Amino acid sequence: MLRLERDRVLLPNGVEASREVVRHPGAVAIVALQDQEILLVRQYRYAIAQETLEIPAGKIDPHESPLACAIRELREETGYRGVMEPMGTFYTTPGFSDEVMHLFLARDLVWDPLTADEDEFLDVEKIPWQEALKRVRQNEFNDAKTVLGILLVQGKIE
């Protein structure tokens, strides 16, 4: 569950100010590789009123570990499960949210689908790994976790 908080804070110069913070339970994102291809999901994002092509990702449920969430989300969104390797953790938007995202690399993928969430309408696309790298360099992805995920994994596998 997300919460919006408005706090009064004392700044380093002694001035009092207001700060809004979105409290978030955390999330995962997965770079899933199969036969030199990356699995991406195309979906409509209401907040920006457009479709995005991005790596599978999702919110961590209460009492769920990041690893368990990554396994579940990959199966729900792509139909695959794989061997998960942690790649790093980062804050998505520390200027206004405490959301932390755990990035995983998934390999040795096996078809093992879970039912997708009823409010998710996703299309899975596979593109060659080298094409994904080219799209990152040409600024063709508009989703930050996708860009960061691809770049971090590139350093690991090349």
N, C-alpha and C. Protein backbone atom coordinates (compact mmCIF):
# COMPACT_ATOMS: atom_id res chain seq x y z
N MET A 1 0.83 -1.17 0.00
CA MET A 1 0.00 0.00 0.00
C MET A 1 0.89 1.25 0.00
N LEU A 2 0.51 2.21 -0.79
CA LEU A 2 1.22 3.48 -0.83
C LEU A 2 0.59 4.46 0.14
N ARG A 3 1.42 5.33 0.72
CA ARG A 3 0.92 6.40 1.59
C ARG A 3 1.60 7.70 1.19
N LEU A 4 0.84 8.76 1.25
CA LEU A 4 1.41 10.09 1.04
C LEU A 4 1.45 10.80 2.38
N GLU A 5 2.64 11.27 2.74
CA GLU A 5 2.82 12.00 3.99
C GLU A 5 3.29 13.41 3.69
N ARG A 6 2.81 14.35 4.48
CA ARG A 6 3.30 15.73 4.39
C ARG A 6 3.89 16.06 5.75
N ASP A 7 5.17 16.38 5.75
CA ASP A 7 5.88 16.65 6.99
C ASP A 7 6.40 18.08 7.02
N ARG A 8 6.52 18.62 8.21
CA ARG A 8 7.21 19.89 8.42
C ARG A 8 8.63 19.52 8.84
N VAL A 9 9.61 20.08 8.16
CA VAL A 9 11.01 19.75 8.44
C VAL A 9 11.80 21.03 8.69
N LEU A 10 12.86 20.88 9.44
CA LEU A 10 13.76 21.98 9.70
C LEU A 10 14.95 21.84 8.76
N LEU A 11 15.15 22.81 7.91
CA LEU A 11 16.24 22.79 6.94
C LEU A 11 17.57 23.15 7.62
N PRO A 12 18.70 22.83 6.98
CA PRO A 12 20.01 23.13 7.58
C PRO A 12 20.21 24.60 7.91
N ASN A 13 19.50 25.50 7.20
CA ASN A 13 19.65 26.93 7.47
C ASN A 13 18.70 27.42 8.55
N GLY A 14 17.97 26.49 9.20
CA GLY A 14 17.06 26.86 10.28
C GLY A 14 15.65 27.20 9.85
N VAL A 15 15.38 27.21 8.57
CA VAL A 15 14.04 27.53 8.06
C VAL A 15 13.19 26.27 8.08
N GLU A 16 11.93 26.43 8.46
CA GLU A 16 10.99 25.31 8.45
C GLU A 16 10.32 25.25 7.08
N ALA A 17 10.16 24.03 6.55
CA ALA A 17 9.54 23.85 5.23
C ALA A 17 8.66 22.61 5.24
N SER A 18 7.87 22.48 4.19
CA SER A 18 6.99 21.33 4.04
C SER A 18 7.60 20.37 3.02
N ARG A 19 7.51 19.06 3.29
CA ARG A 19 7.99 18.04 2.37
C ARG A 19 6.93 16.95 2.25
N GLU A 20 6.67 16.54 1.02
CA GLU A 20 5.76 15.44 0.76
C GLU A 20 6.58 14.21 0.42
N VAL A 21 6.18 13.06 0.97
CA VAL A 21 6.89 11.81 0.73
C VAL A 21 5.88 10.72 0.42
N VAL A 22 6.10 9.99 -0.66
CA VAL A 22 5.31 8.81 -0.96
C VAL A 22 6.03 7.63 -0.32
N ARG A 23 5.34 6.97 0.61
CA ARG A 23 5.89 5.79 1.28
C ARG A 23 5.49 4.57 0.46
N HIS A 24 6.46 3.74 0.12
CA HIS A 24 6.26 2.62 -0.81
C HIS A 24 6.86 1.36 -0.20
N PRO A 25 6.22 0.19 -0.39
CA PRO A 25 6.74 -1.04 0.21
C PRO A 25 7.97 -1.62 -0.48
N GLY A 26 8.35 -1.08 -1.60
CA GLY A 26 9.49 -1.61 -2.34
C GLY A 26 9.04 -2.40 -3.55
N ALA A 27 9.97 -2.63 -4.45
CA ALA A 27 9.65 -3.29 -5.71
C ALA A 27 10.86 -4.07 -6.21
N VAL A 28 10.60 -4.86 -7.24
CA VAL A 28 11.66 -5.61 -7.92
C VAL A 28 11.58 -5.34 -9.41
N ALA A 29 12.69 -5.55 -10.09
CA ALA A 29 12.74 -5.51 -11.55
C ALA A 29 13.67 -6.63 -11.99
N ILE A 30 13.36 -7.22 -13.14
CA ILE A 30 14.10 -8.39 -13.58
C ILE A 30 14.55 -8.24 -15.03
N VAL A 31 15.85 -8.39 -15.26
CA VAL A 31 16.38 -8.51 -16.61
C VAL A 31 16.40 -10.01 -16.89
N ALA A 32 15.50 -10.46 -17.75
CA ALA A 32 15.36 -11.88 -18.05
C ALA A 32 15.96 -12.18 -19.42
N LEU A 33 16.97 -13.04 -19.44
CA LEU A 33 17.67 -13.37 -20.68
C LEU A 33 17.43 -14.82 -21.07
N GLN A 34 17.15 -15.02 -22.36
CA GLN A 34 16.96 -16.36 -22.91
C GLN A 34 17.53 -16.39 -24.33
N ASP A 35 18.52 -17.22 -24.54
CA ASP A 35 19.11 -17.39 -25.87
C ASP A 35 19.50 -16.06 -26.51
N GLN A 36 20.25 -15.25 -25.79
CA GLN A 36 20.73 -13.95 -26.28
C GLN A 36 19.59 -12.97 -26.60
N GLU A 37 18.43 -13.19 -25.97
CA GLU A 37 17.31 -12.25 -26.09
C GLU A 37 16.88 -11.83 -24.70
N ILE A 38 16.34 -10.61 -24.61
CA ILE A 38 15.80 -10.11 -23.36
C ILE A 38 14.28 -10.09 -23.47
N LEU A 39 13.62 -10.50 -22.39
CA LEU A 39 12.17 -10.48 -22.34
C LEU A 39 11.72 -9.13 -21.78
N LEU A 40 10.87 -8.46 -22.52
CA LEU A 40 10.33 -7.16 -22.12
C LEU A 40 8.81 -7.25 -22.12
N VAL A 41 8.18 -6.36 -21.37
CA VAL A 41 6.72 -6.30 -21.36
C VAL A 41 6.27 -4.94 -21.87
N ARG A 42 5.29 -4.98 -22.73
CA ARG A 42 4.67 -3.76 -23.24
C ARG A 42 3.36 -3.58 -22.50
N GLN A 43 3.19 -2.39 -21.91
CA GLN A 43 1.96 -2.14 -21.18
C GLN A 43 1.64 -0.65 -21.17
N TYR A 44 0.36 -0.36 -20.99
CA TYR A 44 -0.09 1.03 -20.91
C TYR A 44 0.14 1.52 -19.48
N ARG A 45 0.76 2.67 -19.35
CA ARG A 45 1.01 3.27 -18.05
C ARG A 45 0.13 4.52 -17.92
N TYR A 46 -0.84 4.42 -17.05
CA TYR A 46 -1.83 5.48 -16.88
C TYR A 46 -1.18 6.82 -16.50
N ALA A 47 -0.21 6.78 -15.60
CA ALA A 47 0.39 8.02 -15.10
C ALA A 47 1.00 8.88 -16.21
N ILE A 48 1.49 8.24 -17.27
CA ILE A 48 2.10 8.99 -18.37
C ILE A 48 1.28 8.91 -19.65
N ALA A 49 0.14 8.23 -19.58
CA ALA A 49 -0.81 8.14 -20.70
C ALA A 49 -0.16 7.60 -21.98
N GLN A 50 0.66 6.56 -21.81
CA GLN A 50 1.25 5.93 -22.99
C GLN A 50 1.74 4.52 -22.66
N GLU A 51 2.00 3.77 -23.71
CA GLU A 51 2.58 2.44 -23.55
C GLU A 51 4.07 2.57 -23.32
N THR A 52 4.60 1.62 -22.57
CA THR A 52 6.04 1.54 -22.38
C THR A 52 6.49 0.12 -22.70
N LEU A 53 7.74 -0.01 -23.05
CA LEU A 53 8.37 -1.31 -23.22
C LEU A 53 9.43 -1.36 -22.13
N GLU A 54 9.27 -2.30 -21.18
CA GLU A 54 10.13 -2.29 -20.01
C GLU A 54 10.41 -3.69 -19.52
N ILE A 55 11.39 -3.81 -18.64
CA ILE A 55 11.68 -5.10 -18.02
C ILE A 55 10.56 -5.43 -17.05
N PRO A 56 10.30 -6.72 -16.82
CA PRO A 56 9.27 -7.11 -15.84
C PRO A 56 9.60 -6.54 -14.46
N ALA A 57 8.57 -6.14 -13.75
CA ALA A 57 8.77 -5.54 -12.44
C ALA A 57 7.47 -5.59 -11.65
N GLY A 58 7.56 -5.36 -10.35
CA GLY A 58 6.36 -5.32 -9.55
C GLY A 58 6.63 -5.01 -8.10
N LYS A 59 5.56 -4.71 -7.41
CA LYS A 59 5.60 -4.30 -6.01
C LYS A 59 5.72 -5.51 -5.10
N ILE A 60 6.51 -5.37 -4.06
CA ILE A 60 6.70 -6.42 -3.06
C ILE A 60 5.47 -6.47 -2.16
N ASP A 61 4.91 -7.67 -1.98
CA ASP A 61 3.77 -7.87 -1.09
C ASP A 61 4.23 -7.88 0.36
N PRO A 62 3.31 -7.60 1.30
CA PRO A 62 3.69 -7.66 2.72
C PRO A 62 4.28 -9.03 3.07
N HIS A 63 5.35 -9.04 3.83
CA HIS A 63 6.03 -10.26 4.30
C HIS A 63 6.66 -11.07 3.17
N GLU A 64 6.85 -10.47 1.99
CA GLU A 64 7.46 -11.16 0.85
C GLU A 64 8.90 -10.66 0.71
N SER A 65 9.82 -11.56 0.46
CA SER A 65 11.21 -11.15 0.22
C SER A 65 11.35 -10.63 -1.20
N PRO A 66 12.36 -9.80 -1.45
CA PRO A 66 12.59 -9.36 -2.83
C PRO A 66 12.78 -10.53 -3.79
N LEU A 67 13.51 -11.57 -3.39
CA LEU A 67 13.72 -12.72 -4.26
C LEU A 67 12.41 -13.42 -4.59
N ALA A 68 11.58 -13.67 -3.58
CA ALA A 68 10.28 -14.32 -3.83
C ALA A 68 9.41 -13.46 -4.73
N CYS A 69 9.47 -12.16 -4.54
CA CYS A 69 8.70 -11.25 -5.40
C CYS A 69 9.20 -11.32 -6.84
N ALA A 70 10.51 -11.33 -7.03
CA ALA A 70 11.06 -11.39 -8.39
C ALA A 70 10.66 -12.67 -9.10
N ILE A 71 10.68 -13.78 -8.39
CA ILE A 71 10.27 -15.06 -8.98
C ILE A 71 8.80 -14.99 -9.38
N ARG A 72 7.96 -14.48 -8.49
CA ARG A 72 6.52 -14.38 -8.75
C ARG A 72 6.23 -13.43 -9.91
N GLU A 73 6.83 -12.25 -9.88
CA GLU A 73 6.55 -11.26 -10.92
C GLU A 73 6.99 -11.74 -12.30
N LEU A 74 8.15 -12.38 -12.38
CA LEU A 74 8.61 -12.88 -13.68
C LEU A 74 7.62 -13.91 -14.22
N ARG A 75 7.15 -14.79 -13.37
CA ARG A 75 6.18 -15.82 -13.80
C ARG A 75 4.85 -15.18 -14.20
N GLU A 76 4.37 -14.21 -13.41
CA GLU A 76 3.10 -13.56 -13.72
C GLU A 76 3.16 -12.76 -15.02
N GLU A 77 4.25 -12.05 -15.21
CA GLU A 77 4.32 -11.11 -16.34
C GLU A 77 4.82 -11.73 -17.64
N THR A 78 5.66 -12.76 -17.55
CA THR A 78 6.22 -13.34 -18.78
C THR A 78 5.89 -14.82 -18.96
N GLY A 79 5.52 -15.50 -17.87
CA GLY A 79 5.27 -16.94 -17.93
C GLY A 79 6.51 -17.78 -17.66
N TYR A 80 7.64 -17.14 -17.40
CA TYR A 80 8.89 -17.88 -17.19
C TYR A 80 9.36 -17.76 -15.75
N ARG A 81 10.13 -18.76 -15.34
CA ARG A 81 10.90 -18.67 -14.10
C ARG A 81 12.34 -18.95 -14.49
N GLY A 82 13.26 -18.51 -13.64
CA GLY A 82 14.66 -18.72 -13.95
C GLY A 82 15.53 -18.62 -12.72
N VAL A 83 16.79 -18.85 -12.92
CA VAL A 83 17.78 -18.71 -11.86
C VAL A 83 18.00 -17.22 -11.66
N MET A 84 17.77 -16.74 -10.44
CA MET A 84 17.84 -15.31 -10.13
C MET A 84 19.18 -14.95 -9.50
N GLU A 85 19.75 -13.87 -9.99
CA GLU A 85 20.99 -13.35 -9.43
C GLU A 85 20.76 -11.88 -9.07
N PRO A 86 20.97 -11.51 -7.80
CA PRO A 86 20.81 -10.10 -7.43
C PRO A 86 21.85 -9.23 -8.14
N MET A 87 21.40 -8.09 -8.66
CA MET A 87 22.29 -7.19 -9.39
C MET A 87 22.49 -5.85 -8.70
N GLY A 88 21.63 -5.54 -7.73
CA GLY A 88 21.78 -4.26 -7.03
C GLY A 88 20.46 -3.75 -6.53
N THR A 89 20.54 -2.72 -5.75
CA THR A 89 19.37 -2.09 -5.16
C THR A 89 19.54 -0.59 -5.31
N PHE A 90 18.44 0.11 -5.64
CA PHE A 90 18.52 1.55 -5.83
C PHE A 90 17.19 2.20 -5.48
N TYR A 91 17.24 3.49 -5.17
CA TYR A 91 16.04 4.28 -4.95
C TYR A 91 15.55 4.79 -6.30
N THR A 92 14.26 4.68 -6.55
CA THR A 92 13.73 5.07 -7.85
C THR A 92 13.60 6.58 -7.99
N THR A 93 13.09 7.25 -6.97
CA THR A 93 12.88 8.70 -7.02
C THR A 93 13.04 9.29 -5.62
N PRO A 94 14.27 9.38 -5.12
CA PRO A 94 14.48 9.79 -3.73
C PRO A 94 14.08 11.23 -3.43
N GLY A 95 13.76 12.00 -4.42
CA GLY A 95 13.30 13.37 -4.17
C GLY A 95 11.92 13.43 -3.54
N PHE A 96 11.10 12.38 -3.75
CA PHE A 96 9.76 12.41 -3.17
C PHE A 96 9.24 11.04 -2.74
N SER A 97 10.03 9.99 -2.87
CA SER A 97 9.55 8.66 -2.51
C SER A 97 10.68 7.85 -1.86
N ASP A 98 10.27 6.94 -0.95
CA ASP A 98 11.26 6.05 -0.35
C ASP A 98 11.28 4.68 -1.03
N GLU A 99 10.68 4.58 -2.23
CA GLU A 99 10.65 3.31 -2.94
C GLU A 99 12.07 2.83 -3.24
N VAL A 100 12.34 1.60 -2.84
CA VAL A 100 13.62 0.97 -3.14
C VAL A 100 13.32 -0.17 -4.12
N MET A 101 14.15 -0.30 -5.14
CA MET A 101 13.95 -1.34 -6.14
C MET A 101 15.13 -2.29 -6.11
N HIS A 102 14.81 -3.58 -6.12
CA HIS A 102 15.81 -4.65 -6.12
C HIS A 102 15.86 -5.21 -7.54
N LEU A 103 17.04 -5.15 -8.15
CA LEU A 103 17.22 -5.60 -9.53
C LEU A 103 17.81 -6.99 -9.55
N PHE A 104 17.25 -7.86 -10.40
CA PHE A 104 17.72 -9.23 -10.55
C PHE A 104 17.99 -9.53 -12.02
N LEU A 105 18.94 -10.43 -12.24
CA LEU A 105 19.19 -11.02 -13.55
C LEU A 105 18.62 -12.44 -13.50
N ALA A 106 17.77 -12.78 -14.45
CA ALA A 106 17.20 -14.13 -14.53
C ALA A 106 17.74 -14.81 -15.78
N ARG A 107 18.28 -16.04 -15.59
CA ARG A 107 18.79 -16.84 -16.70
C ARG A 107 18.26 -18.26 -16.56
N ASP A 108 18.58 -19.09 -17.54
CA ASP A 108 18.13 -20.49 -17.56
C ASP A 108 16.60 -20.53 -17.42
N LEU A 109 15.92 -19.78 -18.27
CA LEU A 109 14.47 -19.63 -18.17
C LEU A 109 13.73 -20.90 -18.58
N VAL A 110 12.65 -21.17 -17.84
CA VAL A 110 11.78 -22.32 -18.08
C VAL A 110 10.35 -21.82 -18.06
N TRP A 111 9.55 -22.31 -19.00
CA TRP A 111 8.14 -21.92 -19.06
C TRP A 111 7.39 -22.48 -17.85
N ASP A 112 6.81 -21.60 -17.04
CA ASP A 112 6.11 -21.99 -15.82
C ASP A 112 5.19 -20.85 -15.40
N PRO A 113 4.14 -20.58 -16.17
CA PRO A 113 3.34 -19.36 -15.96
C PRO A 113 2.49 -19.38 -14.70
N LEU A 114 2.25 -18.18 -14.18
CA LEU A 114 1.25 -17.92 -13.15
C LEU A 114 0.19 -17.03 -13.80
N THR A 115 -0.97 -16.99 -13.23
CA THR A 115 -2.03 -16.12 -13.73
C THR A 115 -1.64 -14.67 -13.45
N ALA A 116 -1.75 -13.84 -14.46
CA ALA A 116 -1.43 -12.42 -14.31
C ALA A 116 -2.46 -11.74 -13.42
N ASP A 117 -2.07 -10.64 -12.81
CA ASP A 117 -3.02 -9.85 -12.03
C ASP A 117 -4.15 -9.40 -12.94
N GLU A 118 -5.36 -9.31 -12.37
CA GLU A 118 -6.54 -8.99 -13.18
C GLU A 118 -6.52 -7.58 -13.75
N ASP A 119 -5.70 -6.70 -13.19
CA ASP A 119 -5.64 -5.33 -13.70
C ASP A 119 -4.42 -5.09 -14.59
N GLU A 120 -3.71 -6.16 -14.95
CA GLU A 120 -2.54 -6.03 -15.82
C GLU A 120 -2.86 -6.58 -17.21
N PHE A 121 -2.51 -5.79 -18.20
CA PHE A 121 -2.69 -6.19 -19.59
C PHE A 121 -1.34 -6.01 -20.27
N LEU A 122 -0.61 -7.11 -20.39
CA LEU A 122 0.77 -7.08 -20.85
C LEU A 122 0.96 -7.89 -22.11
N ASP A 123 1.85 -7.45 -22.94
CA ASP A 123 2.32 -8.22 -24.08
C ASP A 123 3.82 -8.43 -23.89
N VAL A 124 4.25 -9.68 -23.98
CA VAL A 124 5.66 -10.00 -23.83
C VAL A 124 6.34 -9.91 -25.19
N GLU A 125 7.47 -9.24 -25.21
CA GLU A 125 8.26 -9.13 -26.43
C GLU A 125 9.68 -9.58 -26.13
N LYS A 126 10.24 -10.34 -27.05
CA LYS A 126 11.65 -10.73 -26.96
C LYS A 126 12.41 -9.96 -28.02
N ILE A 127 13.50 -9.34 -27.59
CA ILE A 127 14.35 -8.68 -28.58
C ILE A 127 15.79 -9.13 -28.35
N PRO A 128 16.59 -9.15 -29.39
CA PRO A 128 17.99 -9.54 -29.22
C PRO A 128 18.70 -8.62 -28.23
N TRP A 129 19.58 -9.21 -27.43
CA TRP A 129 20.32 -8.45 -26.42
C TRP A 129 21.06 -7.28 -27.03
N GLN A 130 21.71 -7.47 -28.16
CA GLN A 130 22.46 -6.39 -28.80
C GLN A 130 21.53 -5.26 -29.24
N GLU A 131 20.33 -5.60 -29.66
CA GLU A 131 19.36 -4.56 -30.04
C GLU A 131 18.93 -3.77 -28.81
N ALA A 132 18.75 -4.44 -27.68
CA ALA A 132 18.39 -3.75 -26.44
C ALA A 132 19.48 -2.75 -26.06
N LEU A 133 20.75 -3.17 -26.17
CA LEU A 133 21.85 -2.26 -25.88
C LEU A 133 21.85 -1.06 -26.83
N LYS A 134 21.59 -1.32 -28.09
CA LYS A 134 21.52 -0.24 -29.08
C LYS A 134 20.40 0.74 -28.73
N ARG A 135 19.24 0.21 -28.34
CA ARG A 135 18.11 1.07 -27.98
C ARG A 135 18.42 1.91 -26.75
N VAL A 136 19.17 1.35 -25.80
CA VAL A 136 19.58 2.14 -24.63
C VAL A 136 20.46 3.29 -25.09
N ARG A 137 21.46 3.00 -25.93
CA ARG A 137 22.38 4.05 -26.39
C ARG A 137 21.67 5.12 -27.20
N GLN A 138 20.58 4.75 -27.88
CA GLN A 138 19.85 5.71 -28.70
C GLN A 138 18.68 6.34 -27.93
N ASN A 139 18.63 6.11 -26.62
CA ASN A 139 17.60 6.70 -25.76
C ASN A 139 16.18 6.34 -26.21
N GLU A 140 15.98 5.08 -26.58
CA GLU A 140 14.67 4.64 -27.07
C GLU A 140 13.78 4.04 -25.98
N PHE A 141 14.33 3.79 -24.79
CA PHE A 141 13.52 3.34 -23.67
C PHE A 141 13.22 4.56 -22.80
N ASN A 142 11.97 4.71 -22.40
CA ASN A 142 11.62 5.84 -21.55
C ASN A 142 11.40 5.42 -20.09
N ASP A 143 11.83 4.23 -19.73
CA ASP A 143 11.66 3.70 -18.39
C ASP A 143 13.04 3.53 -17.75
N ALA A 144 13.26 4.25 -16.65
CA ALA A 144 14.59 4.29 -16.04
C ALA A 144 15.08 2.93 -15.55
N LYS A 145 14.20 2.13 -14.96
CA LYS A 145 14.66 0.84 -14.43
C LYS A 145 15.10 -0.08 -15.56
N THR A 146 14.50 0.07 -16.73
CA THR A 146 14.88 -0.74 -17.88
C THR A 146 16.27 -0.33 -18.35
N VAL A 147 16.51 0.96 -18.48
CA VAL A 147 17.82 1.45 -18.91
C VAL A 147 18.89 1.02 -17.91
N LEU A 148 18.65 1.27 -16.63
CA LEU A 148 19.63 0.91 -15.61
C LEU A 148 19.86 -0.60 -15.56
N GLY A 149 18.78 -1.37 -15.64
CA GLY A 149 18.90 -2.82 -15.60
C GLY A 149 19.74 -3.35 -16.73
N ILE A 150 19.49 -2.89 -17.93
CA ILE A 150 20.25 -3.35 -19.10
C ILE A 150 21.73 -2.96 -18.95
N LEU A 151 22.00 -1.74 -18.51
CA LEU A 151 23.39 -1.30 -18.37
C LEU A 151 24.12 -2.07 -17.27
N LEU A 152 23.46 -2.32 -16.15
CA LEU A 152 24.11 -3.08 -15.08
C LEU A 152 24.38 -4.53 -15.50
N VAL A 153 23.44 -5.13 -16.20
CA VAL A 153 23.63 -6.50 -16.65
C VAL A 153 24.70 -6.57 -17.73
N GLN A 154 24.76 -5.56 -18.61
CA GLN A 154 25.80 -5.54 -19.63
C GLN A 154 27.18 -5.66 -19.00
N GLY A 155 27.41 -4.93 -17.93
CA GLY A 155 28.69 -5.00 -17.24
C GLY A 155 28.97 -6.37 -16.63
N LYS A 156 27.94 -7.13 -16.37
CA LYS A 156 28.07 -8.45 -15.75
C LYS A 156 28.31 -9.56 -16.77
N ILE A 157 27.68 -9.46 -17.94
CA ILE A 157 27.72 -10.59 -18.87
C ILE A 157 28.67 -10.39 -20.05
N GLU A 158 29.17 -9.19 -20.24
CA GLU A 158 30.07 -8.96 -21.40
C GLU A 158 31.50 -8.80 -20.98
